[in-house]
């Protein structure tokens, strides 16, 4: 059977990355370009996605003529709730993420990754309601993630069932008419979608800060507001910004060359 023919009701969880976009395309192709009514596509925006990610989600919607529901967290009274936005009105200043942190009064971390559940999983679940399976873009070569998802009967992984690997993803987007304007290292975007996500390594974060130092300001503000750090095993964001600035200034100095002496 075609793994992209899905028994609904089900929600296609679109992360905004190449892999889940490839999955969406293949499901659309299986249904001759038009999804049945019981298959819904959702993108949950944290407010800290790279701007290229938002552009890419919109490009998929427009190029493939598919409705994508843009969802965000809001705090109403004492409760988290879900609002539907669109490309133009989607938060680009970290609002959903900041509201979540303020309401919980502590920072997510590598052990308690409640940002994923609150900003994405719960928002999509609340929007579609009960009775929906979840379609996730997990490839066959993501063995660790796949083994976990195989234990959850409500999760469908058509890419894994179709034996899709990162090389298939790379080849597809390398030959497509549009693409996510973020690195494509043989099918993998090492920068990820969330700009300075605390799960990234220190080196990657410093590299991003070196190119876009303004991104650090939001993360610094959250750590200072709570009086803690996103990761105890890494420097705080203010320290990373300062050290990156110092390194940049050091290497930017004009050092005279004496090689002709």
Protein backbone atom coordinates (compact mmCIF):
# COMPACT_ATOMS: atom_id res chain seq x y z
CA UNK A 1 0.00 0.00 0.00
CA UNK A 2 1.04 3.60 -0.57
CA UNK A 3 2.30 4.85 2.84
CA UNK A 4 1.17 8.37 1.94
CA UNK A 5 -2.48 7.35 1.72
CA UNK A 6 -3.49 8.04 5.33
CA UNK A 7 -6.63 6.90 7.10
CA UNK A 8 -8.11 10.00 8.72
CA UNK A 9 -8.91 11.86 10.74
CA UNK A 10 -5.27 12.88 11.09
CA UNK A 11 -3.21 16.04 11.43
CA UNK A 12 -0.04 16.60 9.42
CA UNK A 13 2.38 18.23 11.85
CA UNK A 14 4.40 20.59 9.67
CA UNK A 15 7.55 21.80 11.46
CA UNK A 16 8.51 24.23 8.71
CA UNK A 17 11.58 22.21 7.74
CA UNK A 18 12.50 20.38 4.54
CA UNK A 19 11.69 16.90 5.80
CA UNK A 20 8.13 17.61 6.92
CA UNK A 21 7.56 19.70 3.77
CA UNK A 22 8.72 16.77 1.64
CA UNK A 23 6.28 14.56 3.54
CA UNK A 24 3.45 17.02 2.92
CA UNK A 25 4.26 17.08 -0.79
CA UNK A 26 4.22 13.29 -1.04
CA UNK A 27 0.89 13.06 0.77
CA UNK A 28 -0.54 15.70 -1.58
CA UNK A 29 0.73 13.72 -4.57
CA UNK A 30 -0.92 10.57 -3.25
CA UNK A 31 -4.25 12.44 -3.27
CA UNK A 32 -3.67 14.06 -6.68
CA UNK A 33 -2.89 17.46 -5.17
CA UNK A 34 -5.92 17.86 -2.89
CA UNK A 35 -6.11 16.57 0.67
CA UNK A 36 -9.31 14.92 1.90
CA UNK A 37 -11.28 16.90 4.47
CA UNK A 38 -10.15 14.70 7.35
CA UNK A 39 -6.44 15.47 6.79
CA UNK A 40 -5.43 18.82 8.32
CA UNK A 41 -2.05 20.55 8.07
CA UNK A 42 -0.84 22.57 11.08
CA UNK A 43 2.26 24.68 11.71
CA UNK A 44 2.82 25.81 15.31
CA UNK A 45 4.83 29.04 15.48
CA UNK A 46 6.92 29.68 18.59
CA UNK A 47 7.72 33.27 17.62
CA UNK A 48 11.42 32.38 17.53
CA UNK A 49 11.47 30.59 14.20
CA UNK A 50 14.02 31.78 11.71
CA UNK A 51 12.30 34.20 9.29
CA UNK A 52 13.28 31.89 6.43
CA UNK A 53 11.15 29.19 8.04
CA UNK A 54 8.04 31.36 7.96
CA UNK A 55 8.74 32.27 4.34
CA UNK A 56 9.12 28.60 3.50
CA UNK A 57 5.84 27.57 5.14
CA UNK A 58 4.04 30.22 3.14
CA UNK A 59 5.82 29.19 -0.06
CA UNK A 60 4.69 25.58 0.42
CA UNK A 61 1.12 26.71 0.91
CA UNK A 62 1.14 28.94 -2.17
CA UNK A 63 3.09 26.66 -4.52
CA UNK A 64 1.14 23.53 -3.64
CA UNK A 65 -2.24 25.21 -3.10
CA UNK A 66 -2.70 23.64 0.33
CA UNK A 67 -4.27 25.16 3.44
CA UNK A 68 -1.83 25.32 6.34
CA UNK A 69 -3.19 26.37 9.72
CA UNK A 70 -0.76 28.66 11.58
CA UNK A 71 -1.15 28.27 15.34
CA UNK A 72 0.30 30.11 18.35
CA UNK A 73 0.09 29.99 22.12
CA UNK A 74 -1.57 32.79 24.04
CA UNK A 75 -2.04 33.20 27.77
CA UNK A 76 -5.62 34.13 28.63
CA UNK A 77 -6.16 34.62 32.34
CA UNK A 78 -4.46 31.67 33.98
CA UNK A 79 -4.68 29.33 31.01
CA UNK A 80 -2.74 28.58 27.85
CA UNK A 81 -4.90 28.72 24.76
CA UNK A 82 -4.47 28.43 21.01
CA UNK A 83 -5.05 31.15 18.42
CA UNK A 84 -4.92 30.84 14.66
CA UNK A 85 -2.80 33.39 12.83
CA UNK A 86 -1.37 33.58 9.31
CA UNK A 87 1.85 34.49 7.54
CA UNK A 88 1.31 38.23 7.95
CA UNK A 89 0.13 38.19 11.58
CA UNK A 90 2.42 35.45 12.92
CA UNK A 91 4.65 36.49 15.82
CA UNK A 92 8.21 37.27 14.90
CA UNK A 93 9.28 38.76 18.24
CA UNK A 94 9.09 35.64 20.42
CA UNK A 95 5.74 36.54 21.96
CA UNK A 96 4.30 32.99 22.34
CA UNK A 97 7.57 31.70 23.83
CA UNK A 98 7.92 34.68 26.19
CA UNK A 99 4.31 34.42 27.40
CA UNK A 100 4.83 30.73 28.17
CA UNK A 101 8.01 31.46 30.17
CA UNK A 102 6.38 34.29 32.10
CA UNK A 103 3.34 32.18 32.97
CA UNK A 104 5.42 29.21 34.16
CA UNK A 105 8.02 31.47 35.79
CA UNK A 106 10.93 29.21 34.85
CA UNK A 107 12.92 28.35 31.76
CA UNK A 108 12.66 25.20 29.67
CA UNK A 109 15.85 23.17 29.56
CA UNK A 110 17.36 20.03 28.09
CA UNK A 111 15.59 17.88 30.73
CA UNK A 112 12.25 19.71 30.90
CA UNK A 113 11.61 20.62 27.27
CA UNK A 114 8.12 21.91 27.91
CA UNK A 115 8.53 24.49 25.15
CA UNK A 116 7.97 21.73 22.58
CA UNK A 117 4.88 20.39 24.29
CA UNK A 118 3.31 23.75 25.17
CA UNK A 119 4.17 25.72 22.03
CA UNK A 120 3.71 22.96 19.46
CA UNK A 121 2.20 19.64 20.51
CA UNK A 122 -0.53 21.03 22.77
CA UNK A 123 -1.42 23.83 20.38
CA UNK A 124 -2.00 21.43 17.52
CA UNK A 125 -3.84 18.98 19.78
CA UNK A 126 -6.14 21.68 21.12
CA UNK A 127 -6.85 22.97 17.62
CA UNK A 128 -7.87 19.65 16.05
CA UNK A 129 -9.46 18.10 19.14
CA UNK A 130 -9.75 14.43 20.09
CA UNK A 131 -9.70 11.50 17.72
CA UNK A 132 -6.94 12.66 15.39
CA UNK A 133 -3.82 10.68 14.61
CA UNK A 134 -0.59 12.66 14.20
CA UNK A 135 1.50 12.41 11.04
CA UNK A 136 5.16 13.19 11.73
CA UNK A 137 8.03 13.70 9.30
CA UNK A 138 10.50 11.17 10.69
CA UNK A 139 12.84 9.54 8.21
CA UNK A 140 13.96 5.93 8.08
CA UNK A 141 17.50 6.98 9.00
CA UNK A 142 16.41 8.67 12.24
CA UNK A 143 16.50 5.41 14.16
CA UNK A 144 16.42 6.84 17.67
CA UNK A 145 13.40 9.10 17.09
CA UNK A 146 11.71 6.43 15.04
CA UNK A 147 11.98 3.76 17.72
CA UNK A 148 10.20 6.05 20.17
CA UNK A 149 7.42 6.94 17.76
CA UNK A 150 6.79 3.33 16.76
CA UNK A 151 5.62 2.74 20.34
CA UNK A 152 2.86 5.32 19.99
CA UNK A 153 -0.13 3.92 18.05
CA UNK A 154 -1.56 7.39 17.42
CA UNK A 155 1.55 8.47 15.48
CA UNK A 156 1.96 7.81 11.74
CA UNK A 157 5.41 7.98 10.12
CA UNK A 158 4.95 7.64 6.35
CA UNK A 159 8.50 8.72 5.47
CA UNK A 160 9.97 5.92 7.55
CA UNK A 161 7.47 3.48 6.07
CA UNK A 162 8.57 4.62 2.59
CA UNK A 163 12.27 4.14 3.55
CA UNK A 164 13.04 7.82 2.94
CA UNK A 165 16.48 9.04 4.08
CA UNK A 166 18.14 12.46 4.26
CA UNK A 167 19.65 11.85 0.81
CA UNK A 168 16.14 11.68 -0.69
CA UNK A 169 15.29 14.96 1.03
CA UNK A 170 18.46 16.61 -0.28
CA UNK A 171 17.87 15.45 -3.84
CA UNK A 172 14.25 16.59 -3.84
CA UNK A 173 14.94 20.13 -2.68
CA UNK A 174 18.10 20.43 -4.72
CA UNK A 175 15.93 19.96 -7.80
CA UNK A 176 12.81 21.83 -6.69
CA UNK A 177 11.64 25.22 -7.95
CA UNK A 178 11.80 26.71 -4.42
CA UNK A 179 13.55 25.80 -1.18
CA UNK A 180 14.05 26.71 2.46
CA UNK A 181 16.66 29.45 2.49
CA UNK A 182 18.70 27.86 5.26
CA UNK A 183 21.69 25.47 4.95
CA UNK A 184 21.10 22.15 3.24
CA UNK A 185 23.96 19.91 4.33
CA UNK A 186 23.10 16.75 2.41
CA UNK A 187 19.48 16.99 3.50
CA UNK A 188 20.01 18.35 7.01
CA UNK A 189 19.67 21.94 8.19
CA UNK A 190 22.19 22.16 11.02
CA UNK A 191 20.88 25.56 12.10
CA UNK A 192 17.39 24.24 12.82
CA UNK A 193 14.28 26.39 12.77
CA UNK A 194 14.31 28.01 16.23
CA UNK A 195 16.99 30.70 15.95
CA UNK A 196 19.11 30.23 19.12
CA UNK A 197 17.45 27.16 20.60
CA UNK A 198 19.13 26.13 23.86
CA UNK A 199 19.50 22.56 22.55
CA UNK A 200 22.07 23.71 19.98
CA UNK A 201 25.73 23.37 20.78
CA UNK A 202 27.66 26.35 22.07
CA UNK A 203 29.71 26.54 18.89
CA UNK A 204 26.67 26.70 16.64
CA UNK A 205 25.02 29.34 18.83
CA UNK A 206 28.18 31.47 18.85
CA UNK A 207 28.41 31.18 15.08
CA UNK A 208 24.82 32.41 14.71
CA UNK A 209 25.40 35.23 17.22
CA UNK A 210 28.53 36.27 15.32
CA UNK A 211 26.44 36.72 12.16
CA UNK A 212 23.23 37.96 13.81
CA UNK A 213 24.06 39.35 17.27
CA UNK A 214 20.60 40.92 17.60
CA UNK A 215 19.09 37.44 18.01
CA UNK A 216 20.78 37.04 21.39
CA UNK A 217 18.84 39.94 22.93
CA UNK A 218 15.58 37.99 23.36
CA UNK A 219 17.31 35.01 24.97
CA UNK A 220 19.29 37.27 27.29
CA UNK A 221 16.07 39.02 28.33
CA UNK A 222 14.39 35.70 29.21
CA UNK A 223 17.33 34.52 31.33
CA UNK A 224 17.54 37.85 33.16
CA UNK A 225 13.78 37.93 33.72
CA UNK A 226 13.81 34.50 35.39
CA UNK A 227 17.25 34.87 36.97
CA UNK A 228 18.55 31.60 35.55
CA UNK A 229 19.97 29.88 32.49
CA UNK A 230 18.43 27.70 29.80
CA UNK A 231 21.38 25.32 30.19
CA UNK A 232 23.57 24.81 33.23
CA UNK A 233 26.28 23.14 31.16
CA UNK A 234 26.75 26.07 28.79
CA UNK A 235 27.46 29.81 29.20
CA UNK A 236 24.45 32.09 29.44
CA UNK A 237 23.47 34.02 26.33
CA UNK A 238 24.91 37.31 27.57
CA UNK A 239 28.29 35.70 28.10
CA UNK A 240 28.16 34.14 24.63
CA UNK A 241 27.33 37.51 23.09
CA UNK A 242 30.15 39.27 24.94
CA UNK A 243 32.72 36.58 24.12
CA UNK A 244 31.65 36.48 20.48
CA UNK A 245 31.95 40.26 20.25
CA UNK A 246 35.42 40.11 21.77
CA UNK A 247 36.55 37.40 19.34
CA UNK A 248 35.12 39.28 16.37
CA UNK A 249 36.84 42.51 17.39
CA UNK A 250 40.11 40.69 17.87
CA UNK A 251 40.04 39.11 14.43
CA UNK A 252 38.75 42.28 12.75
CA UNK A 253 41.80 44.33 13.81
CA UNK A 254 44.18 45.32 11.04
CA UNK A 255 47.44 43.56 11.86
CA UNK A 256 50.42 44.76 9.83
CA UNK A 257 52.23 42.13 7.83
CA UNK A 258 56.02 41.89 8.22
CA UNK A 259 56.53 39.05 5.78
CA UNK A 260 58.61 41.32 3.51
CA UNK A 261 61.15 42.29 6.19
